[in-house]
C-alpha atoms as a PDB file:
ATOM      1  CA  MET A   1      23.626 -31.343  42.301  1.00  0.00           C
ATOM      2  CA  LYS A   2      26.523 -30.850  39.950  1.00  0.00           C
ATOM      3  CA  ASP A   3      29.461 -30.050  42.247  1.00  0.00           C
ATOM      4  CA  PRO A   4      31.213 -33.297  43.287  1.00  0.00           C
ATOM      5  CA  HIS A   5      32.401 -31.643  46.510  1.00  0.00           C
ATOM      6  CA  LYS A   6      28.762 -31.189  47.557  1.00  0.00           C
ATOM      7  CA  ILE A   7      27.939 -34.838  46.829  1.00  0.00           C
ATOM      8  CA  ILE A   8      30.910 -36.579  48.494  1.00  0.00           C
ATOM      9  CA  LEU A   9      31.341 -34.875  51.853  1.00  0.00           C
ATOM     10  CA  MET A  10      34.035 -36.771  53.767  1.00  0.00           C
ATOM     11  CA  PRO A  11      35.583 -40.209  54.199  1.00  0.00           C
ATOM     12  CA  VAL A  12      34.308 -42.587  56.868  1.00  0.00           C
ATOM     13  CA  ILE A  13      37.359 -44.140  58.503  1.00  0.00           C
ATOM     14  CA  THR A  14      36.485 -47.128  60.706  1.00  0.00           C
ATOM     15  CA  GLU A  15      37.905 -50.599  61.224  1.00  0.00           C
ATOM     16  CA  LYS A  16      35.364 -52.020  58.769  1.00  0.00           C
ATOM     17  CA  SER A  17      36.073 -49.403  56.086  1.00  0.00           C
ATOM     18  CA  THR A  18      39.851 -49.887  56.278  1.00  0.00           C
ATOM     19  CA  MET A  19      39.388 -53.672  56.061  1.00  0.00           C
ATOM     20  CA  LEU A  20      37.132 -53.300  52.996  1.00  0.00           C
ATOM     21  CA  LYS A  21      39.647 -50.911  51.430  1.00  0.00           C
ATOM     22  CA  GLU A  22      42.426 -53.502  51.692  1.00  0.00           C
ATOM     23  CA  ILE A  23      40.425 -56.628  50.798  1.00  0.00           C
ATOM     24  CA  ASN A  24      37.612 -55.570  48.420  1.00  0.00           C
ATOM     25  CA  ARG A  25      38.933 -52.332  46.896  1.00  0.00           C
ATOM     26  CA  GLU A  26      35.991 -50.440  48.441  1.00  0.00           C
ATOM     27  CA  VAL A  27      36.137 -46.996  49.996  1.00  0.00           C
ATOM     28  CA  CYS A  28      33.516 -45.497  52.282  1.00  0.00           C
ATOM     29  CA  PHE A  29      32.305 -41.890  52.242  1.00  0.00           C
ATOM     30  CA  GLU A  30      29.651 -39.769  53.904  1.00  0.00           C
ATOM     31  CA  VAL A  31      27.566 -38.380  51.058  1.00  0.00           C
ATOM     32  CA  ASN A  32      24.777 -35.856  50.613  1.00  0.00           C
ATOM     33  CA  PRO A  33      21.485 -37.429  51.795  1.00  0.00           C
ATOM     34  CA  ARG A  34      19.746 -36.331  48.588  1.00  0.00           C
ATOM     35  CA  ALA A  35      22.334 -37.876  46.219  1.00  0.00           C
ATOM     36  CA  ASN A  36      21.580 -41.096  44.340  1.00  0.00           C
ATOM     37  CA  LYS A  37      23.919 -43.880  43.183  1.00  0.00           C
ATOM     38  CA  SER A  38      24.580 -42.497  39.706  1.00  0.00           C
ATOM     39  CA  GLU A  39      25.406 -39.013  41.074  1.00  0.00           C
ATOM     40  CA  ILE A  40      27.766 -40.533  43.636  1.00  0.00           C
ATOM     41  CA  LYS A  41      29.470 -42.634  40.935  1.00  0.00           C
ATOM     42  CA  LYS A  42      29.996 -39.606  38.654  1.00  0.00           C
ATOM     43  CA  ALA A  43      31.283 -37.480  41.549  1.00  0.00           C
ATOM     44  CA  ALA A  44      33.821 -40.126  42.613  1.00  0.00           C
ATOM     45  CA  GLU A  45      35.064 -40.552  39.048  1.00  0.00           C
ATOM     46  CA  GLN A  46      35.467 -36.766  38.644  1.00  0.00           C
ATOM     47  CA  LEU A  47      37.102 -36.126  42.018  1.00  0.00           C
ATOM     48  CA  PHE A  48      39.521 -39.038  42.170  1.00  0.00           C
ATOM     49  CA  LYS A  49      39.923 -39.836  38.434  1.00  0.00           C
ATOM     50  CA  VAL A  50      39.201 -43.553  38.840  1.00  0.00           C
ATOM     51  CA  LYS A  51      36.706 -45.988  37.305  1.00  0.00           C
ATOM     52  CA  VAL A  52      33.915 -47.079  39.667  1.00  0.00           C
ATOM     53  CA  GLU A  53      32.477 -50.597  39.431  1.00  0.00           C
ATOM     54  CA  SER A  54      29.550 -50.253  41.846  1.00  0.00           C
ATOM     55  CA  VAL A  55      28.060 -48.077  44.586  1.00  0.00           C
ATOM     56  CA  ARG A  56      26.146 -49.269  47.648  1.00  0.00           C
ATOM     57  CA  ILE A  57      24.348 -46.683  49.765  1.00  0.00           C
ATOM     58  CA  MET A  58      22.970 -46.801  53.270  1.00  0.00           C
ATOM     59  CA  ASN A  59      20.842 -44.300  55.199  1.00  0.00           C
ATOM     60  CA  LYS A  60      21.994 -43.911  58.790  1.00  0.00           C
ATOM     61  CA  ARG A  61      19.731 -42.598  61.530  1.00  0.00           C
ATOM     62  CA  GLY A  62      21.300 -40.021  63.861  1.00  0.00           C
ATOM     63  CA  LYS A  63      21.926 -41.113  67.438  1.00  0.00           C
ATOM     64  CA  THR A  64      20.213 -39.593  70.462  1.00  0.00           C
ATOM     65  CA  ARG A  65      22.628 -37.781  72.798  1.00  0.00           C
ATOM     66  CA  ARG A  66      22.205 -36.371  76.298  1.00  0.00           C
ATOM     67  CA  VAL A  67      23.996 -33.510  78.011  1.00  0.00           C
ATOM     68  CA  GLY A  68      22.761 -33.430  81.584  1.00  0.00           C
ATOM     69  CA  ARG A  69      18.983 -33.370  81.425  1.00  0.00           C
ATOM     70  CA  ASN A  70      18.864 -32.077  77.852  1.00  0.00           C
ATOM     71  CA  VAL A  71      18.233 -34.610  75.110  1.00  0.00           C
ATOM     72  CA  GLY A  72      19.354 -33.914  71.560  1.00  0.00           C
ATOM     73  CA  LYS A  73      19.766 -35.807  68.325  1.00  0.00           C
ATOM     74  CA  LYS A  74      22.589 -36.001  65.823  1.00  0.00           C
ATOM     75  CA  LYS A  75      21.663 -35.489  62.187  1.00  0.00           C
ATOM     76  CA  ASP A  76      20.614 -38.340  59.902  1.00  0.00           C
ATOM     77  CA  TRP A  77      23.199 -39.080  57.213  1.00  0.00           C
ATOM     78  CA  LYS A  78      23.940 -41.254  54.208  1.00  0.00           C
ATOM     79  CA  LYS A  79      26.952 -43.520  53.706  1.00  0.00           C
ATOM     80  CA  ALA A  80      28.226 -44.862  50.380  1.00  0.00           C
ATOM     81  CA  TYR A  81      30.551 -47.799  49.711  1.00  0.00           C
ATOM     82  CA  ILE A  82      32.295 -47.222  46.373  1.00  0.00           C
ATOM     83  CA  LYS A  83      33.907 -50.281  44.739  1.00  0.00           C
ATOM     84  CA  LEU A  84      36.707 -49.563  42.267  1.00  0.00           C
ATOM     85  CA  LYS A  85      37.325 -51.534  39.078  1.00  0.00           C
ATOM     86  CA  GLU A  86      40.277 -53.911  38.876  1.00  0.00           C
ATOM     87  CA  GLY A  87      43.556 -52.223  38.028  1.00  0.00           C
ATOM     88  CA  GLU A  88      42.511 -48.796  39.332  1.00  0.00           C
ATOM     89  CA  LYS A  89      44.754 -47.014  41.804  1.00  0.00           C
ATOM     90  CA  MET A  90      43.393 -46.915  45.346  1.00  0.00           C
ATOM     91  CA  ILE A  91      41.879 -43.616  46.489  1.00  0.00           C
ATOM     92  CA  GLU A  92      43.971 -41.776  49.041  1.00  0.00           C
ATOM     93  CA  TYR A  93      41.541 -39.869  51.241  1.00  0.00           C
ATOM     94  CA  PHE A  94      43.303 -36.510  51.218  1.00  0.00           C
ATOM     95  CA  GLU A  95      43.765 -36.197  47.437  1.00  0.00           C
ATOM     96  CA  ALA A  96      40.761 -34.119  46.416  1.00  0.00           C
ATOM     97  CA  VAL A  97      38.292 -33.758  49.291  1.00  0.00           C
END
């Protein structure tokens, strides 16, 4: 996986992620389930032109959903918390994605 746009898919905007963005300088993204920490770090540095201090990843299991009597399942996905180094500008979500 070389293309950073195929590694970092979209931002995850929740109450927790906005709190972490303000307090800890961490941003949260949905990433490709097959990407590892080093690929995610390189992709973030290329896309947003910032220095990354650390990456934490988390595999999320898709929820079960019902429509009437039919039962389906949302896809499994991976979430990454990317911590920026001190002095780096904060990532604005709609810059490069």
